[in-house]
C-alpha atoms as a PDB file:
ATOM      1  CA  MET A   1       0.000   0.000   0.000  1.00  0.00           C
ATOM      2  CA  GLU A   2       1.446   3.366  -1.014  1.00  0.00           C
ATOM      3  CA  ALA A   3       1.177   6.226   1.438  1.00  0.00           C
ATOM      4  CA  ILE A   4       0.640   9.757   0.226  1.00  0.00           C
ATOM      5  CA  GLN A   5       1.430  12.606   2.570  1.00  0.00           C
ATOM      6  CA  VAL A   6      -0.337  15.937   2.189  1.00  0.00           C
ATOM      7  CA  LYS A   7       0.328  18.778   4.602  1.00  0.00           C
ATOM      8  CA  GLN A   8      -2.125  21.634   4.926  1.00  0.00           C
ATOM      9  CA  VAL A   9      -3.059  24.370   7.313  1.00  0.00           C
ATOM     10  CA  ILE A  10      -6.751  24.351   8.195  1.00  0.00           C
ATOM     11  CA  THR A  11      -8.402  27.459   6.786  1.00  0.00           C
ATOM     12  CA  LYS A  12     -11.991  26.677   7.750  1.00  0.00           C
ATOM     13  CA  ASP A  13     -13.034  24.902  10.951  1.00  0.00           C
ATOM     14  CA  GLY A  14     -13.742  21.221  10.401  1.00  0.00           C
ATOM     15  CA  GLU A  15     -12.888  21.149   6.678  1.00  0.00           C
ATOM     16  CA  VAL A  16     -10.013  19.762   4.630  1.00  0.00           C
ATOM     17  CA  LEU A  17      -9.950  19.892   0.829  1.00  0.00           C
ATOM     18  CA  LEU A  18      -7.725  17.346  -0.899  1.00  0.00           C
ATOM     19  CA  THR A  19      -7.056  17.747  -4.600  1.00  0.00           C
ATOM     20  CA  GLY A  20      -4.600  16.288  -7.073  1.00  0.00           C
ATOM     21  CA  LEU A  21      -4.655  12.798  -5.590  1.00  0.00           C
ATOM     22  CA  PRO A  22      -3.677   9.901  -7.922  1.00  0.00           C
ATOM     23  CA  PHE A  23      -6.917   7.938  -7.449  1.00  0.00           C
ATOM     24  CA  LYS A  24      -9.662   7.149  -9.933  1.00  0.00           C
ATOM     25  CA  LYS A  25     -13.415   7.547  -9.596  1.00  0.00           C
ATOM     26  CA  GLY A  26     -14.922   4.597  -7.721  1.00  0.00           C
ATOM     27  CA  GLN A  27     -11.629   3.523  -6.158  1.00  0.00           C
ATOM     28  CA  ALA A  28     -11.879   2.828  -2.401  1.00  0.00           C
ATOM     29  CA  ILE A  29      -9.420   4.722  -0.219  1.00  0.00           C
ATOM     30  CA  GLU A  30      -8.839   5.249   3.494  1.00  0.00           C
ATOM     31  CA  ILE A  31      -7.904   8.622   4.917  1.00  0.00           C
ATOM     32  CA  ILE A  32      -6.156   9.023   8.272  1.00  0.00           C
ATOM     33  CA  VAL A  33      -5.600  12.549   9.582  1.00  0.00           C
ATOM     34  CA  PHE A  34      -2.964  13.502  12.173  1.00  0.00           C
ATOM     35  CA  ALA A  35      -2.649  16.926  13.746  1.00  0.00           C
ATOM     36  CA  GLN A  36       0.940  18.137  13.711  1.00  0.00           C
ATOM     37  CA  PRO A  37       2.313  19.203  17.088  1.00  0.00           C
ATOM     38  CA  ALA A  38       2.906  22.895  17.522  1.00  0.00           C
ATOM     39  CA  ALA A  39       6.415  23.893  16.559  1.00  0.00           C
ATOM     40  CA  SER A  40       8.652  24.064  19.585  1.00  0.00           C
ATOM     41  CA  PRO A  41      10.926  27.055  19.937  1.00  0.00           C
ATOM     42  CA  PRO A  42      14.517  26.444  18.921  1.00  0.00           C
ATOM     43  CA  ARG A  43      16.688  25.201  21.755  1.00  0.00           C
ATOM     44  CA  PHE A  44      19.300  27.583  23.040  1.00  0.00           C
ATOM     45  CA  CYS A  45      22.763  26.037  23.053  1.00  0.00           C
ATOM     46  CA  LEU A  46      24.847  27.191  26.002  1.00  0.00           C
ATOM     47  CA  THR A  47      28.523  26.786  25.195  1.00  0.00           C
ATOM     48  CA  VAL A  48      31.313  26.911  27.758  1.00  0.00           C
ATOM     49  CA  GLY A  49      32.261  30.374  26.510  1.00  0.00           C
ATOM     50  CA  ARG A  50      28.706  31.671  26.910  1.00  0.00           C
ATOM     51  CA  LEU A  51      28.456  30.094  30.357  1.00  0.00           C
ATOM     52  CA  ARG A  52      31.678  31.779  31.474  1.00  0.00           C
ATOM     53  CA  GLN A  53      30.452  35.135  30.144  1.00  0.00           C
ATOM     54  CA  SER A  54      27.018  34.752  31.709  1.00  0.00           C
ATOM     55  CA  GLY A  55      28.129  35.684  35.201  1.00  0.00           C
ATOM     56  CA  LEU A  56      26.872  32.410  36.678  1.00  0.00           C
ATOM     57  CA  VAL A  57      30.363  31.045  37.206  1.00  0.00           C
ATOM     58  CA  GLY A  58      31.643  32.545  40.450  1.00  0.00           C
ATOM     59  CA  LEU A  59      28.232  33.970  41.341  1.00  0.00           C
ATOM     60  CA  TRP A  60      28.638  33.106  45.027  1.00  0.00           C
ATOM     61  CA  LYS A  61      32.359  33.927  45.407  1.00  0.00           C
ATOM     62  CA  ASP A  62      31.843  37.148  47.405  1.00  0.00           C
ATOM     63  CA  ARG A  63      29.070  35.879  49.682  1.00  0.00           C
ATOM     64  CA  ASP A  64      30.041  35.726  53.340  1.00  0.00           C
ATOM     65  CA  ASP A  65      27.051  33.575  54.302  1.00  0.00           C
ATOM     66  CA  ILE A  66      28.117  30.666  52.083  1.00  0.00           C
ATOM     67  CA  GLY A  67      31.188  28.815  53.330  1.00  0.00           C
ATOM     68  CA  ASP A  68      31.313  25.800  51.025  1.00  0.00           C
ATOM     69  CA  SER A  69      29.520  26.564  47.756  1.00  0.00           C
ATOM     70  CA  SER A  70      29.368  22.862  46.781  1.00  0.00           C
ATOM     71  CA  ALA A  71      27.648  21.959  50.053  1.00  0.00           C
ATOM     72  CA  TYR A  72      25.314  24.938  49.695  1.00  0.00           C
ATOM     73  CA  ALA A  73      24.361  23.903  46.148  1.00  0.00           C
ATOM     74  CA  ARG A  74      23.777  20.332  47.313  1.00  0.00           C
ATOM     75  CA  GLN A  75      21.509  21.622  50.107  1.00  0.00           C
ATOM     76  CA  LEU A  76      19.502  23.718  47.619  1.00  0.00           C
ATOM     77  CA  ARG A  77      19.086  20.709  45.304  1.00  0.00           C
ATOM     78  CA  GLU A  78      17.889  18.542  48.201  1.00  0.00           C
ATOM     79  CA  GLN A  79      15.364  21.197  49.267  1.00  0.00           C
ATOM     80  CA  ALA A  80      14.083  21.496  45.704  1.00  0.00           C
ATOM     81  CA  GLN A  81      13.813  17.698  45.433  1.00  0.00           C
ATOM     82  CA  GLN A  82      11.812  17.528  48.677  1.00  0.00           C
ATOM     83  CA  ARG A  83       9.438  20.229  47.419  1.00  0.00           C
ATOM     84  CA  GLY A  84       8.993  18.289  44.181  1.00  0.00           C
ATOM     85  CA  ASP A  85       8.266  15.070  46.074  1.00  0.00           C
ATOM     86  CA  ARG A  86       5.596  16.800  48.161  1.00  0.00           C
ATOM     87  CA  GLN A  87       3.835  18.136  45.049  1.00  0.00           C
ATOM     88  CA  LEU A  88       3.459  14.661  43.573  1.00  0.00           C
END
């Protein structure tokens, strides 16, 4: 069975007009219609250079209330995980 793909944008609610199909009068066909997912926005690629320029690296270096930034980040992740678990 040969598949023919036709892409259209709906211009009138509930109607699709197909023309130019290679079928003859009286020939039985089956039509299956799929809605295309909405286009997702392009993903932003964060390179090492962009990350270094972003100001995120070293963000906590001058904070007196954070002794060990790795431990602090781990604590924040754990708190966020616990909040997420409670929402489920």
